[in-house]
């Protein structure tokens, strides 16, 4: 090979090398991977690397890889304090630096339960609306009917709740005791019967027990002798004088 031809070949090789270097430099300036020729802004590569809602590349990013400034490129994670759909436990879900709490809704008959799930390989927060059998309180379903006077259940601080019991009155007689609207026991009322010789409402009298009444006390008579009909325990006014 003559010297002129050899010099020409060297010049061509040098030009090709320069063009290749310039092409690689241009690719790098345009954020293109020279090995794959895929731009990091292309949807395919974004989806493979996973980007968050702010456009930061997450997923496999570590250390100085792309990510939010100051976080070392760490991806957002979703954490559920009560472990999932736990309707009877009040909890919360964290996604990044945001917290989402379980809460009651529907006049405290439902709970909006927060939980973690994945959409398009990205962590997300979901809400499940669940109807509580006994109502909702503090972001969780109640296991039983809520505590209050009048629900028919004797609970802490209550003597009774809508029920009654047998008792003995001040005179030692058997009776019935009803529960008051304040869930405390009321007065023991003797539960007598007609013919036991003791006048108790609704009896007007019982044998010789006239309850302290006389013909004059009835208002329609001026005197006479008031008696008791032992069959009905009602006053017998046949002996009264008008």
C-alpha atoms as a PDB file:
ATOM      1  CA  UNK A   1       0.000   0.000   0.000  1.00  0.00           C
ATOM      2  CA  UNK A   2       1.355   3.379  -0.976  1.00  0.00           C
ATOM      3  CA  UNK A   3       1.869   6.062   1.570  1.00  0.00           C
ATOM      4  CA  UNK A   4      -0.945   8.223   0.139  1.00  0.00           C
ATOM      5  CA  UNK A   5      -3.514   5.459   0.390  1.00  0.00           C
ATOM      6  CA  UNK A   6      -2.400   4.628   3.929  1.00  0.00           C
ATOM      7  CA  UNK A   7      -2.790   8.230   5.039  1.00  0.00           C
ATOM      8  CA  UNK A   8      -6.259   8.371   3.477  1.00  0.00           C
ATOM      9  CA  UNK A   9      -7.362   5.234   5.380  1.00  0.00           C
ATOM     10  CA  UNK A  10      -6.142   6.714   8.677  1.00  0.00           C
ATOM     11  CA  UNK A  11      -8.033   9.925   7.995  1.00  0.00           C
ATOM     12  CA  UNK A  12     -11.296   8.039   7.291  1.00  0.00           C
ATOM     13  CA  UNK A  13     -10.969   5.934  10.459  1.00  0.00           C
ATOM     14  CA  UNK A  14     -10.385   9.101  12.500  1.00  0.00           C
ATOM     15  CA  UNK A  15     -13.470  10.736  10.995  1.00  0.00           C
ATOM     16  CA  UNK A  16     -15.630   7.682  11.750  1.00  0.00           C
ATOM     17  CA  UNK A  17     -14.389   7.634  15.343  1.00  0.00           C
ATOM     18  CA  UNK A  18     -15.143  11.345  15.762  1.00  0.00           C
ATOM     19  CA  UNK A  19     -18.687  10.887  14.380  1.00  0.00           C
ATOM     20  CA  UNK A  20     -19.284   7.948  16.737  1.00  0.00           C
ATOM     21  CA  UNK A  21     -18.086   9.941  19.740  1.00  0.00           C
ATOM     22  CA  UNK A  22     -20.289  12.885  18.788  1.00  0.00           C
ATOM     23  CA  UNK A  23     -23.294  10.563  18.332  1.00  0.00           C
ATOM     24  CA  UNK A  24     -22.783   9.012  21.781  1.00  0.00           C
ATOM     25  CA  UNK A  25     -22.427  12.477  23.333  1.00  0.00           C
ATOM     26  CA  UNK A  26     -25.708  13.568  21.685  1.00  0.00           C
ATOM     27  CA  UNK A  27     -27.477  10.453  22.979  1.00  0.00           C
ATOM     28  CA  UNK A  28     -26.265  11.158  26.491  1.00  0.00           C
ATOM     29  CA  UNK A  29     -27.437  14.766  26.290  1.00  0.00           C
ATOM     30  CA  UNK A  30     -30.895  13.538  25.279  1.00  0.00           C
ATOM     31  CA  UNK A  31     -31.028  11.061  28.200  1.00  0.00           C
ATOM     32  CA  UNK A  32     -30.863   8.015  25.927  1.00  0.00           C
ATOM     33  CA  UNK A  33     -29.209   4.770  26.975  1.00  0.00           C
ATOM     34  CA  UNK A  34     -26.656   4.079  24.177  1.00  0.00           C
ATOM     35  CA  UNK A  35     -26.897   0.306  24.791  1.00  0.00           C
ATOM     36  CA  UNK A  36     -30.691   0.085  24.416  1.00  0.00           C
ATOM     37  CA  UNK A  37     -31.529   3.353  22.618  1.00  0.00           C
ATOM     38  CA  UNK A  38     -34.595   3.673  24.935  1.00  0.00           C
ATOM     39  CA  UNK A  39     -35.278   7.078  26.425  1.00  0.00           C
ATOM     40  CA  UNK A  40     -35.879   7.149  30.179  1.00  0.00           C
ATOM     41  CA  UNK A  41     -38.904   9.300  29.448  1.00  0.00           C
ATOM     42  CA  UNK A  42     -40.512   6.630  27.279  1.00  0.00           C
ATOM     43  CA  UNK A  43     -43.625   4.959  28.821  1.00  0.00           C
ATOM     44  CA  UNK A  44     -42.157   1.473  28.493  1.00  0.00           C
ATOM     45  CA  UNK A  45     -39.113   2.267  30.585  1.00  0.00           C
ATOM     46  CA  UNK A  46     -41.075   4.394  33.054  1.00  0.00           C
ATOM     47  CA  UNK A  47     -43.421   1.505  33.676  1.00  0.00           C
ATOM     48  CA  UNK A  48     -40.501  -0.877  34.127  1.00  0.00           C
ATOM     49  CA  UNK A  49     -38.766   1.415  36.588  1.00  0.00           C
ATOM     50  CA  UNK A  50     -42.041   2.617  38.217  1.00  0.00           C
ATOM     51  CA  UNK A  51     -42.580   6.334  38.733  1.00  0.00           C
ATOM     52  CA  UNK A  52     -44.563   8.008  41.512  1.00  0.00           C
ATOM     53  CA  UNK A  53     -47.203  10.710  41.169  1.00  0.00           C
ATOM     54  CA  UNK A  54     -44.485  13.395  41.230  1.00  0.00           C
ATOM     55  CA  UNK A  55     -42.654  11.824  38.303  1.00  0.00           C
ATOM     56  CA  UNK A  56     -39.747  10.513  40.399  1.00  0.00           C
ATOM     57  CA  UNK A  57     -38.302   7.158  39.359  1.00  0.00           C
ATOM     58  CA  UNK A  58     -38.717   4.644  42.201  1.00  0.00           C
ATOM     59  CA  UNK A  59     -38.625   0.858  42.395  1.00  0.00           C
ATOM     60  CA  UNK A  60     -35.030  -0.360  42.235  1.00  0.00           C
ATOM     61  CA  UNK A  61     -33.549   3.083  42.886  1.00  0.00           C
ATOM     62  CA  UNK A  62     -30.984   3.049  45.705  1.00  0.00           C
ATOM     63  CA  UNK A  63     -28.414   5.442  47.070  1.00  0.00           C
ATOM     64  CA  UNK A  64     -27.771   8.133  44.481  1.00  0.00           C
ATOM     65  CA  UNK A  65     -30.231   6.739  41.934  1.00  0.00           C
ATOM     66  CA  UNK A  66     -33.114   8.999  40.811  1.00  0.00           C
ATOM     67  CA  UNK A  67     -35.664   9.823  43.501  1.00  0.00           C
ATOM     68  CA  UNK A  68     -36.950  12.593  45.727  1.00  0.00           C
ATOM     69  CA  UNK A  69     -34.096  14.884  46.826  1.00  0.00           C
ATOM     70  CA  UNK A  70     -32.754  13.884  50.211  1.00  0.00           C
ATOM     71  CA  UNK A  71     -34.545  10.505  50.453  1.00  0.00           C
ATOM     72  CA  UNK A  72     -31.798   8.429  48.836  1.00  0.00           C
ATOM     73  CA  UNK A  73     -34.204   7.315  46.101  1.00  0.00           C
ATOM     74  CA  UNK A  74     -36.335   5.199  48.457  1.00  0.00           C
ATOM     75  CA  UNK A  75     -39.774   4.235  47.035  1.00  0.00           C
ATOM     76  CA  UNK A  76     -42.984   5.018  48.910  1.00  0.00           C
ATOM     77  CA  UNK A  77     -44.452   2.128  50.867  1.00  0.00           C
ATOM     78  CA  UNK A  78     -47.964   1.541  52.216  1.00  0.00           C
ATOM     79  CA  UNK A  79     -48.383   0.349  55.816  1.00  0.00           C
ATOM     80  CA  UNK A  80     -51.653  -0.658  57.548  1.00  0.00           C
ATOM     81  CA  UNK A  81     -51.579  -0.435  61.361  1.00  0.00           C
ATOM     82  CA  UNK A  82     -54.400  -2.973  61.835  1.00  0.00           C
ATOM     83  CA  UNK A  83     -53.167  -5.391  59.195  1.00  0.00           C
ATOM     84  CA  UNK A  84     -55.912  -5.053  56.568  1.00  0.00           C
ATOM     85  CA  UNK A  85     -59.704  -5.183  56.625  1.00  0.00           C
ATOM     86  CA  UNK A  86     -60.102  -5.223  60.418  1.00  0.00           C
ATOM     87  CA  UNK A  87     -63.545  -3.661  60.857  1.00  0.00           C
ATOM     88  CA  UNK A  88     -63.553  -4.010  64.662  1.00  0.00           C
ATOM     89  CA  UNK A  89     -60.144  -2.347  65.141  1.00  0.00           C
ATOM     90  CA  UNK A  90     -59.547   1.368  64.708  1.00  0.00           C
ATOM     91  CA  UNK A  91     -56.401   1.931  62.681  1.00  0.00           C
ATOM     92  CA  UNK A  92     -54.744   3.958  59.955  1.00  0.00           C
ATOM     93  CA  UNK A  93     -52.807   3.549  56.729  1.00  0.00           C
ATOM     94  CA  UNK A  94     -49.627   5.453  55.858  1.00  0.00           C
ATOM     95  CA  UNK A  95     -48.447   6.052  52.304  1.00  0.00           C
ATOM     96  CA  UNK A  96     -45.215   7.982  52.201  1.00  0.00           C
ATOM     97  CA  UNK A  97     -45.616  10.811  54.703  1.00  0.00           C
ATOM     98  CA  UNK A  98     -49.452  10.831  54.548  1.00  0.00           C
ATOM     99  CA  UNK A  99     -51.757   9.081  57.055  1.00  0.00           C
ATOM    100  CA  UNK A 100     -55.340   7.962  56.338  1.00  0.00           C
ATOM    101  CA  UNK A 101     -57.513   6.997  59.341  1.00  0.00           C
ATOM    102  CA  UNK A 102     -60.467   4.613  59.663  1.00  0.00           C
ATOM    103  CA  UNK A 103     -63.646   6.623  60.339  1.00  0.00           C
ATOM    104  CA  UNK A 104     -67.356   6.139  61.011  1.00  0.00           C
ATOM    105  CA  UNK A 105     -70.002   7.234  58.522  1.00  0.00           C
ATOM    106  CA  UNK A 106     -73.696   6.800  57.758  1.00  0.00           C
ATOM    107  CA  UNK A 107     -74.946   8.115  61.135  1.00  0.00           C
ATOM    108  CA  UNK A 108     -72.354   5.896  62.882  1.00  0.00           C
ATOM    109  CA  UNK A 109     -73.787   2.747  61.307  1.00  0.00           C
ATOM    110  CA  UNK A 110     -70.847   2.146  58.915  1.00  0.00           C
ATOM    111  CA  UNK A 111     -67.054   2.222  59.050  1.00  0.00           C
ATOM    112  CA  UNK A 112     -64.820   3.481  56.234  1.00  0.00           C
ATOM    113  CA  UNK A 113     -61.973   0.968  56.574  1.00  0.00           C
ATOM    114  CA  UNK A 114     -58.660   2.035  54.989  1.00  0.00           C
ATOM    115  CA  UNK A 115     -56.364  -0.623  53.514  1.00  0.00           C
ATOM    116  CA  UNK A 116     -53.296  -0.989  51.273  1.00  0.00           C
ATOM    117  CA  UNK A 117     -53.365  -2.418  47.778  1.00  0.00           C
ATOM    118  CA  UNK A 118     -51.309  -2.260  44.587  1.00  0.00           C
ATOM    119  CA  UNK A 119     -52.314  -0.709  41.279  1.00  0.00           C
ATOM    120  CA  UNK A 120     -49.957  -0.875  38.291  1.00  0.00           C
ATOM    121  CA  UNK A 121     -47.203  -2.104  40.625  1.00  0.00           C
ATOM    122  CA  UNK A 122     -47.571   1.014  42.759  1.00  0.00           C
ATOM    123  CA  UNK A 123     -48.789   1.097  46.400  1.00  0.00           C
ATOM    124  CA  UNK A 124     -52.135   2.805  46.945  1.00  0.00           C
ATOM    125  CA  UNK A 125     -54.756   3.386  49.666  1.00  0.00           C
ATOM    126  CA  UNK A 126     -58.293   1.992  49.330  1.00  0.00           C
ATOM    127  CA  UNK A 127     -61.502   2.452  51.349  1.00  0.00           C
ATOM    128  CA  UNK A 128     -63.964  -0.354  52.139  1.00  0.00           C
ATOM    129  CA  UNK A 129     -67.369   0.774  53.474  1.00  0.00           C
ATOM    130  CA  UNK A 130     -68.689  -1.846  55.910  1.00  0.00           C
ATOM    131  CA  UNK A 131     -72.059  -1.812  57.715  1.00  0.00           C
ATOM    132  CA  UNK A 132     -71.576  -2.533  61.435  1.00  0.00           C
ATOM    133  CA  UNK A 133     -74.239  -4.762  63.093  1.00  0.00           C
ATOM    134  CA  UNK A 134     -74.074  -2.808  66.374  1.00  0.00           C
ATOM    135  CA  UNK A 135     -72.953   0.577  65.065  1.00  0.00           C
ATOM    136  CA  UNK A 136     -69.598   2.314  64.734  1.00  0.00           C
ATOM    137  CA  UNK A 137     -67.597   4.278  67.297  1.00  0.00           C
ATOM    138  CA  UNK A 138     -64.145   5.832  67.055  1.00  0.00           C
ATOM    139  CA  UNK A 139     -63.426   4.405  63.602  1.00  0.00           C
ATOM    140  CA  UNK A 140     -64.299   0.788  64.465  1.00  0.00           C
ATOM    141  CA  UNK A 141     -67.399  -1.426  64.631  1.00  0.00           C
ATOM    142  CA  UNK A 142     -68.794  -2.163  68.085  1.00  0.00           C
ATOM    143  CA  UNK A 143     -68.798  -5.819  69.156  1.00  0.00           C
ATOM    144  CA  UNK A 144     -72.077  -5.429  71.095  1.00  0.00           C
ATOM    145  CA  UNK A 145     -74.875  -2.933  71.448  1.00  0.00           C
ATOM    146  CA  UNK A 146     -73.553   0.409  72.767  1.00  0.00           C
ATOM    147  CA  UNK A 147     -73.789   0.995  76.518  1.00  0.00           C
ATOM    148  CA  UNK A 148     -76.738   3.149  77.590  1.00  0.00           C
ATOM    149  CA  UNK A 149     -79.708   3.007  79.988  1.00  0.00           C
ATOM    150  CA  UNK A 150     -82.691   1.604  78.156  1.00  0.00           C
ATOM    151  CA  UNK A 151     -81.077  -0.975  75.866  1.00  0.00           C
ATOM    152  CA  UNK A 152     -82.383  -3.856  78.004  1.00  0.00           C
ATOM    153  CA  UNK A 153     -78.887  -4.950  79.087  1.00  0.00           C
ATOM    154  CA  UNK A 154     -77.656  -4.462  82.658  1.00  0.00           C
ATOM    155  CA  UNK A 155     -74.211  -2.887  82.234  1.00  0.00           C
ATOM    156  CA  UNK A 156     -71.566  -1.284  84.435  1.00  0.00           C
ATOM    157  CA  UNK A 157     -73.066   1.446  86.625  1.00  0.00           C
ATOM    158  CA  UNK A 158     -76.664   0.168  86.249  1.00  0.00           C
ATOM    159  CA  UNK A 159     -78.727  -1.661  88.887  1.00  0.00           C
ATOM    160  CA  UNK A 160     -81.256  -2.808  86.305  1.00  0.00           C
ATOM    161  CA  UNK A 161     -82.373  -2.043  82.750  1.00  0.00           C
ATOM    162  CA  UNK A 162     -86.055  -2.428  81.870  1.00  0.00           C
ATOM    163  CA  UNK A 163     -86.547  -5.534  84.032  1.00  0.00           C
ATOM    164  CA  UNK A 164     -88.178  -6.343  87.390  1.00  0.00           C
ATOM    165  CA  UNK A 165     -87.609  -8.690  90.316  1.00  0.00           C
ATOM    166  CA  UNK A 166     -89.360 -10.107  93.372  1.00  0.00           C
ATOM    167  CA  UNK A 167     -88.745  -8.369  96.683  1.00  0.00           C
ATOM    168  CA  UNK A 168     -89.870  -8.054 100.292  1.00  0.00           C
ATOM    169  CA  UNK A 169     -91.491  -4.765 101.358  1.00  0.00           C
ATOM    170  CA  UNK A 170     -90.953  -2.823 104.582  1.00  0.00           C
ATOM    171  CA  UNK A 171     -93.559  -4.991 106.325  1.00  0.00           C
ATOM    172  CA  UNK A 172     -91.895  -8.210 105.266  1.00  0.00           C
ATOM    173  CA  UNK A 173     -94.479  -8.982 102.616  1.00  0.00           C
ATOM    174  CA  UNK A 174     -93.544 -10.392  99.198  1.00  0.00           C
ATOM    175  CA  UNK A 175     -93.793  -7.945  96.330  1.00  0.00           C
ATOM    176  CA  UNK A 176     -92.495  -6.830  92.946  1.00  0.00           C
ATOM    177  CA  UNK A 177     -89.834  -4.225  92.259  1.00  0.00           C
ATOM    178  CA  UNK A 178     -89.677  -2.459  88.882  1.00  0.00           C
ATOM    179  CA  UNK A 179     -86.693  -0.763  87.254  1.00  0.00           C
ATOM    180  CA  UNK A 180     -86.918   3.038  87.024  1.00  0.00           C
ATOM    181  CA  UNK A 181     -86.108   5.052  83.842  1.00  0.00           C
ATOM    182  CA  UNK A 182     -82.731   5.839  85.467  1.00  0.00           C
ATOM    183  CA  UNK A 183     -81.836   2.131  85.610  1.00  0.00           C
ATOM    184  CA  UNK A 184     -82.112   1.935  89.413  1.00  0.00           C
ATOM    185  CA  UNK A 185     -84.507  -0.236  91.452  1.00  0.00           C
ATOM    186  CA  UNK A 186     -87.787   1.403  92.424  1.00  0.00           C
ATOM    187  CA  UNK A 187     -89.986   0.858  95.479  1.00  0.00           C
ATOM    188  CA  UNK A 188     -90.970  -2.670  96.431  1.00  0.00           C
ATOM    189  CA  UNK A 189     -94.732  -2.970  95.881  1.00  0.00           C
ATOM    190  CA  UNK A 190     -96.518  -5.678  97.789  1.00  0.00           C
ATOM    191  CA  UNK A 191     -98.012  -8.121  95.309  1.00  0.00           C
ATOM    192  CA  UNK A 192    -101.050  -9.186  97.337  1.00  0.00           C
ATOM    193  CA  UNK A 193    -104.238 -10.899  96.269  1.00  0.00           C
ATOM    194  CA  UNK A 194    -107.909 -10.425  97.005  1.00  0.00           C
ATOM    195  CA  UNK A 195    -108.743 -12.301 100.187  1.00  0.00           C
ATOM    196  CA  UNK A 196    -105.408 -12.040 101.969  1.00  0.00           C
ATOM    197  CA  UNK A 197    -106.854  -9.395 104.312  1.00  0.00           C
ATOM    198  CA  UNK A 198    -104.407  -6.674 103.157  1.00  0.00           C
ATOM    199  CA  UNK A 199    -105.656  -3.801 101.023  1.00  0.00           C
ATOM    200  CA  UNK A 200    -103.258  -2.921  98.221  1.00  0.00           C
ATOM    201  CA  UNK A 201    -104.037  -1.146  94.893  1.00  0.00           C
ATOM    202  CA  UNK A 202    -106.018  -1.738  92.828  1.00  0.00           C
ATOM    203  CA  UNK A 203    -108.113  -3.166  95.675  1.00  0.00           C
ATOM    204  CA  UNK A 204    -110.480  -0.740  97.456  1.00  0.00           C
ATOM    205  CA  UNK A 205    -110.530  -3.038 100.466  1.00  0.00           C
ATOM    206  CA  UNK A 206    -109.692  -6.570 101.521  1.00  0.00           C
ATOM    207  CA  UNK A 207    -111.926  -8.232 104.135  1.00  0.00           C
ATOM    208  CA  UNK A 208    -111.741  -5.979 107.232  1.00  0.00           C
ATOM    209  CA  UNK A 209    -109.000  -3.772 105.804  1.00  0.00           C
ATOM    210  CA  UNK A 210    -110.875  -0.756 104.385  1.00  0.00           C
ATOM    211  CA  UNK A 211    -107.739   1.290 103.912  1.00  0.00           C
ATOM    212  CA  UNK A 212    -108.970   3.719 106.616  1.00  0.00           C
ATOM    213  CA  UNK A 213    -112.036   4.745 104.599  1.00  0.00           C
ATOM    214  CA  UNK A 214    -115.609   5.364 105.886  1.00  0.00           C
ATOM    215  CA  UNK A 215    -118.953   6.055 104.217  1.00  0.00           C
ATOM    216  CA  UNK A 216    -118.463   9.794 104.790  1.00  0.00           C
ATOM    217  CA  UNK A 217    -115.025   9.687 103.144  1.00  0.00           C
ATOM    218  CA  UNK A 218    -116.652   8.484  99.940  1.00  0.00           C
ATOM    219  CA  UNK A 219    -118.456  11.829  99.675  1.00  0.00           C
ATOM    220  CA  UNK A 220    -121.934  10.608  98.774  1.00  0.00           C
ATOM    221  CA  UNK A 221    -122.996   9.544 102.245  1.00  0.00           C
ATOM    222  CA  UNK A 222    -123.574  11.202 105.626  1.00  0.00           C
ATOM    223  CA  UNK A 223    -122.910   8.128 107.716  1.00  0.00           C
ATOM    224  CA  UNK A 224    -123.516   4.421 108.075  1.00  0.00           C
ATOM    225  CA  UNK A 225    -121.266   1.376 108.043  1.00  0.00           C
ATOM    226  CA  UNK A 226    -118.893   0.784 105.139  1.00  0.00           C
ATOM    227  CA  UNK A 227    -118.182  -2.868 104.330  1.00  0.00           C
ATOM    228  CA  UNK A 228    -116.036  -4.829 101.839  1.00  0.00           C
ATOM    229  CA  UNK A 229    -117.196  -7.266  99.172  1.00  0.00           C
ATOM    230  CA  UNK A 230    -114.827 -10.144  99.814  1.00  0.00           C
ATOM    231  CA  UNK A 231    -115.399 -11.592  96.332  1.00  0.00           C
ATOM    232  CA  UNK A 232    -114.239  -8.459  94.483  1.00  0.00           C
ATOM    233  CA  UNK A 233    -112.368  -6.510  97.186  1.00  0.00           C
ATOM    234  CA  UNK A 234    -114.497  -3.465  96.289  1.00  0.00           C
ATOM    235  CA  UNK A 235    -116.452  -1.302  98.752  1.00  0.00           C
ATOM    236  CA  UNK A 236    -119.930  -2.479  99.795  1.00  0.00           C
ATOM    237  CA  UNK A 237    -121.942   0.707 100.424  1.00  0.00           C
ATOM    238  CA  UNK A 238    -125.250  -1.020 101.177  1.00  0.00           C
ATOM    239  CA  UNK A 239    -124.868  -0.039 104.876  1.00  0.00           C
ATOM    240  CA  UNK A 240    -124.075   3.616 104.161  1.00  0.00           C
ATOM    241  CA  UNK A 241    -126.665   6.408 104.777  1.00  0.00           C
ATOM    242  CA  UNK A 242    -127.251   9.127 102.189  1.00  0.00           C
END
